[in-house]
């Protein structure tokens, strides 16, 4: 049981580190741009699309970390199964068509909870970005 708990803790730590690094890089890129925040529909939409792509890439990287662990530990038979199970679990879809061996079962809920938290961080990032965009727009407009 101890190796499984230790594995879960390590996977959570790596996932959080990947997410923090990804958000920091994205934030650095956004702050480096000296252009004023977009206020028109298409420029704002394009910004949100690009941010969404990066956030999805961060999440897919985190899913891959878990999938590679499942594959390495022999929890799932092949890479496709490991990535599929990890994605479904991380996103808390939980189809149940693939399951971990009994000895590794507790990793599933831990990955699901971690995915929820990381998606929450991404949502918070989106909220902060839109708050900045609209905050700058409203400060610039006379009332």
C-alpha atoms as a PDB file:
ATOM      1  CA  UNK A   1       0.000   0.000   0.000  1.00  0.00           C
ATOM      2  CA  UNK A   2       2.839   2.416   0.830  1.00  0.00           C
ATOM      3  CA  UNK A   3       4.365   2.273  -2.698  1.00  0.00           C
ATOM      4  CA  UNK A   4       0.969   3.134  -4.181  1.00  0.00           C
ATOM      5  CA  UNK A   5       0.485   6.104  -1.843  1.00  0.00           C
ATOM      6  CA  UNK A   6       4.022   7.262  -2.601  1.00  0.00           C
ATOM      7  CA  UNK A   7       3.343   6.904  -6.345  1.00  0.00           C
ATOM      8  CA  UNK A   8       0.120   8.895  -6.019  1.00  0.00           C
ATOM      9  CA  UNK A   9       1.905  11.686  -4.134  1.00  0.00           C
ATOM     10  CA  UNK A  10       4.687  11.812  -6.727  1.00  0.00           C
ATOM     11  CA  UNK A  11       2.214  11.873  -9.631  1.00  0.00           C
ATOM     12  CA  UNK A  12       0.223  14.687  -8.001  1.00  0.00           C
ATOM     13  CA  UNK A  13       3.430  16.659  -7.395  1.00  0.00           C
ATOM     14  CA  UNK A  14       4.598  16.223 -11.003  1.00  0.00           C
ATOM     15  CA  UNK A  15       1.146  17.180 -12.300  1.00  0.00           C
ATOM     16  CA  UNK A  16       1.053  20.360 -10.203  1.00  0.00           C
ATOM     17  CA  UNK A  17       4.616  21.228 -11.261  1.00  0.00           C
ATOM     18  CA  UNK A  18       3.752  20.778 -14.951  1.00  0.00           C
ATOM     19  CA  UNK A  19       0.640  22.917 -14.531  1.00  0.00           C
ATOM     20  CA  UNK A  20       2.457  25.635 -12.603  1.00  0.00           C
ATOM     21  CA  UNK A  21       5.252  25.711 -15.168  1.00  0.00           C
ATOM     22  CA  UNK A  22       2.801  25.831 -18.050  1.00  0.00           C
ATOM     23  CA  UNK A  23       0.726  28.618 -16.514  1.00  0.00           C
ATOM     24  CA  UNK A  24       3.872  30.577 -15.629  1.00  0.00           C
ATOM     25  CA  UNK A  25       5.147  30.301 -19.217  1.00  0.00           C
ATOM     26  CA  UNK A  26       1.768  31.316 -20.610  1.00  0.00           C
ATOM     27  CA  UNK A  27       1.499  34.256 -18.223  1.00  0.00           C
ATOM     28  CA  UNK A  28       5.051  35.350 -19.081  1.00  0.00           C
ATOM     29  CA  UNK A  29       4.181  35.271 -22.791  1.00  0.00           C
ATOM     30  CA  UNK A  30       1.003  37.265 -22.233  1.00  0.00           C
ATOM     31  CA  UNK A  31       2.740  39.866 -20.060  1.00  0.00           C
ATOM     32  CA  UNK A  32       5.660  40.189 -22.510  1.00  0.00           C
ATOM     33  CA  UNK A  33       3.231  41.404 -25.130  1.00  0.00           C
ATOM     34  CA  UNK A  34       3.121  45.174 -24.799  1.00  0.00           C
ATOM     35  CA  UNK A  35      -0.043  45.450 -26.874  1.00  0.00           C
ATOM     36  CA  UNK A  36      -3.117  46.654 -25.027  1.00  0.00           C
ATOM     37  CA  UNK A  37      -5.642  43.929 -24.174  1.00  0.00           C
ATOM     38  CA  UNK A  38      -7.944  43.321 -27.152  1.00  0.00           C
ATOM     39  CA  UNK A  39     -11.396  44.827 -26.846  1.00  0.00           C
ATOM     40  CA  UNK A  40     -12.871  43.936 -30.226  1.00  0.00           C
ATOM     41  CA  UNK A  41     -14.628  40.618 -30.827  1.00  0.00           C
ATOM     42  CA  UNK A  42     -12.225  38.850 -33.233  1.00  0.00           C
ATOM     43  CA  UNK A  43      -8.941  39.837 -31.562  1.00  0.00           C
ATOM     44  CA  UNK A  44     -10.351  38.807 -28.172  1.00  0.00           C
ATOM     45  CA  UNK A  45     -11.697  35.555 -29.633  1.00  0.00           C
ATOM     46  CA  UNK A  46      -8.314  34.793 -31.215  1.00  0.00           C
ATOM     47  CA  UNK A  47      -6.571  35.447 -27.879  1.00  0.00           C
ATOM     48  CA  UNK A  48      -8.972  33.085 -26.079  1.00  0.00           C
ATOM     49  CA  UNK A  49      -8.498  30.394 -28.735  1.00  0.00           C
ATOM     50  CA  UNK A  50      -4.714  30.559 -28.368  1.00  0.00           C
ATOM     51  CA  UNK A  51      -4.916  30.483 -24.565  1.00  0.00           C
ATOM     52  CA  UNK A  52      -7.301  27.511 -24.781  1.00  0.00           C
ATOM     53  CA  UNK A  53      -4.881  25.642 -27.050  1.00  0.00           C
ATOM     54  CA  UNK A  54      -2.045  26.166 -24.590  1.00  0.00           C
ATOM     55  CA  UNK A  55      -4.185  25.128 -21.605  1.00  0.00           C
ATOM     56  CA  UNK A  56      -5.290  21.963 -23.410  1.00  0.00           C
ATOM     57  CA  UNK A  57      -1.652  21.203 -24.243  1.00  0.00           C
ATOM     58  CA  UNK A  58      -0.779  21.568 -20.549  1.00  0.00           C
ATOM     59  CA  UNK A  59      -3.612  19.209 -19.561  1.00  0.00           C
ATOM     60  CA  UNK A  60      -2.657  16.668 -22.249  1.00  0.00           C
ATOM     61  CA  UNK A  61       0.914  16.732 -20.938  1.00  0.00           C
ATOM     62  CA  UNK A  62      -0.377  15.989 -17.433  1.00  0.00           C
ATOM     63  CA  UNK A  63      -2.575  13.179 -18.753  1.00  0.00           C
ATOM     64  CA  UNK A  64       0.505  11.773 -20.496  1.00  0.00           C
ATOM     65  CA  UNK A  65       2.456  11.761 -17.210  1.00  0.00           C
ATOM     66  CA  UNK A  66      -0.202   9.574 -15.581  1.00  0.00           C
ATOM     67  CA  UNK A  67      -0.548   7.389 -18.701  1.00  0.00           C
ATOM     68  CA  UNK A  68       3.182   6.773 -18.900  1.00  0.00           C
ATOM     69  CA  UNK A  69       3.195   5.803 -15.235  1.00  0.00           C
ATOM     70  CA  UNK A  70       0.309   3.351 -15.783  1.00  0.00           C
ATOM     71  CA  UNK A  71       2.198   1.860 -18.708  1.00  0.00           C
ATOM     72  CA  UNK A  72       5.523   1.705 -16.829  1.00  0.00           C
ATOM     73  CA  UNK A  73       3.885   0.105 -13.764  1.00  0.00           C
ATOM     74  CA  UNK A  74       2.106  -2.477 -15.930  1.00  0.00           C
ATOM     75  CA  UNK A  75      -1.322  -1.271 -14.823  1.00  0.00           C
ATOM     76  CA  UNK A  76      -2.690  -1.238 -18.362  1.00  0.00           C
ATOM     77  CA  UNK A  77      -1.788  -3.437 -21.331  1.00  0.00           C
ATOM     78  CA  UNK A  78      -0.710  -0.870 -23.946  1.00  0.00           C
ATOM     79  CA  UNK A  79      -0.087   2.834 -24.575  1.00  0.00           C
ATOM     80  CA  UNK A  80      -3.481   3.443 -26.180  1.00  0.00           C
ATOM     81  CA  UNK A  81      -5.290   1.977 -23.168  1.00  0.00           C
ATOM     82  CA  UNK A  82      -3.097   3.896 -20.734  1.00  0.00           C
ATOM     83  CA  UNK A  83      -3.642   7.245 -22.465  1.00  0.00           C
ATOM     84  CA  UNK A  84      -7.363   6.608 -22.906  1.00  0.00           C
ATOM     85  CA  UNK A  85      -7.845   5.570 -19.273  1.00  0.00           C
ATOM     86  CA  UNK A  86      -5.794   8.511 -18.038  1.00  0.00           C
ATOM     87  CA  UNK A  87      -7.714  11.031 -20.165  1.00  0.00           C
ATOM     88  CA  UNK A  88     -11.102   9.684 -19.152  1.00  0.00           C
ATOM     89  CA  UNK A  89     -10.079   9.626 -15.497  1.00  0.00           C
ATOM     90  CA  UNK A  90      -8.361  13.041 -15.454  1.00  0.00           C
ATOM     91  CA  UNK A  91     -11.407  14.635 -17.068  1.00  0.00           C
ATOM     92  CA  UNK A  92     -13.640  12.755 -14.575  1.00  0.00           C
ATOM     93  CA  UNK A  93     -15.689  11.193 -17.362  1.00  0.00           C
ATOM     94  CA  UNK A  94     -15.199   7.732 -15.888  1.00  0.00           C
ATOM     95  CA  UNK A  95     -16.716   5.472 -18.522  1.00  0.00           C
ATOM     96  CA  UNK A  96     -15.595   2.408 -16.588  1.00  0.00           C
ATOM     97  CA  UNK A  97     -14.787   0.369 -19.688  1.00  0.00           C
ATOM     98  CA  UNK A  98     -11.155   0.148 -18.542  1.00  0.00           C
ATOM     99  CA  UNK A  99     -10.137  -0.225 -14.921  1.00  0.00           C
ATOM    100  CA  UNK A 100      -6.862  -0.442 -13.059  1.00  0.00           C
ATOM    101  CA  UNK A 101      -5.822  -3.683 -11.367  1.00  0.00           C
ATOM    102  CA  UNK A 102      -7.192  -3.958  -7.850  1.00  0.00           C
ATOM    103  CA  UNK A 103      -3.853  -3.181  -6.206  1.00  0.00           C
ATOM    104  CA  UNK A 104      -3.614   0.144  -8.124  1.00  0.00           C
ATOM    105  CA  UNK A 105      -7.299   1.128  -7.987  1.00  0.00           C
ATOM    106  CA  UNK A 106      -6.850   4.055  -5.619  1.00  0.00           C
ATOM    107  CA  UNK A 107      -4.822   5.933  -8.268  1.00  0.00           C
ATOM    108  CA  UNK A 108      -7.972   6.461 -10.358  1.00  0.00           C
ATOM    109  CA  UNK A 109      -9.766   8.707  -7.860  1.00  0.00           C
ATOM    110  CA  UNK A 110      -6.532  10.543  -7.071  1.00  0.00           C
ATOM    111  CA  UNK A 111      -6.015  11.302 -10.763  1.00  0.00           C
ATOM    112  CA  UNK A 112      -9.644  12.423 -11.059  1.00  0.00           C
ATOM    113  CA  UNK A 113      -9.336  14.783  -8.100  1.00  0.00           C
ATOM    114  CA  UNK A 114      -6.054  16.119  -9.456  1.00  0.00           C
ATOM    115  CA  UNK A 115      -7.672  16.712 -12.846  1.00  0.00           C
ATOM    116  CA  UNK A 116     -10.539  18.619 -11.233  1.00  0.00           C
ATOM    117  CA  UNK A 117      -8.089  20.828  -9.361  1.00  0.00           C
ATOM    118  CA  UNK A 118      -5.947  21.483 -12.441  1.00  0.00           C
ATOM    119  CA  UNK A 119      -9.039  22.320 -14.508  1.00  0.00           C
ATOM    120  CA  UNK A 120     -10.053  24.683 -11.706  1.00  0.00           C
ATOM    121  CA  UNK A 121      -6.665  26.404 -11.916  1.00  0.00           C
ATOM    122  CA  UNK A 122      -7.134  26.784 -15.671  1.00  0.00           C
ATOM    123  CA  UNK A 123     -10.599  28.246 -15.103  1.00  0.00           C
ATOM    124  CA  UNK A 124      -9.154  30.696 -12.592  1.00  0.00           C
ATOM    125  CA  UNK A 125      -6.500  31.663 -15.140  1.00  0.00           C
ATOM    126  CA  UNK A 126      -9.198  32.319 -17.756  1.00  0.00           C
ATOM    127  CA  UNK A 127     -11.172  34.395 -15.263  1.00  0.00           C
ATOM    128  CA  UNK A 128      -8.099  36.465 -14.377  1.00  0.00           C
ATOM    129  CA  UNK A 129      -7.306  37.006 -18.061  1.00  0.00           C
ATOM    130  CA  UNK A 130     -10.831  38.161 -18.891  1.00  0.00           C
ATOM    131  CA  UNK A 131     -10.927  40.328 -15.770  1.00  0.00           C
ATOM    132  CA  UNK A 132      -7.755  42.039 -16.949  1.00  0.00           C
ATOM    133  CA  UNK A 133      -9.084  42.492 -20.496  1.00  0.00           C
ATOM    134  CA  UNK A 134     -12.408  43.911 -19.413  1.00  0.00           C
ATOM    135  CA  UNK A 135     -10.938  45.821 -16.484  1.00  0.00           C
ATOM    136  CA  UNK A 136      -8.603  47.643 -18.876  1.00  0.00           C
ATOM    137  CA  UNK A 137     -11.483  48.300 -21.279  1.00  0.00           C
ATOM    138  CA  UNK A 138     -13.722  49.768 -18.599  1.00  0.00           C
ATOM    139  CA  UNK A 139     -10.925  51.948 -17.186  1.00  0.00           C
ATOM    140  CA  UNK A 140     -10.267  53.349 -20.645  1.00  0.00           C
ATOM    141  CA  UNK A 141     -13.898  54.245 -21.335  1.00  0.00           C
ATOM    142  CA  UNK A 142     -15.300  57.461 -19.854  1.00  0.00           C
ATOM    143  CA  UNK A 143     -18.350  56.957 -17.642  1.00  0.00           C
END
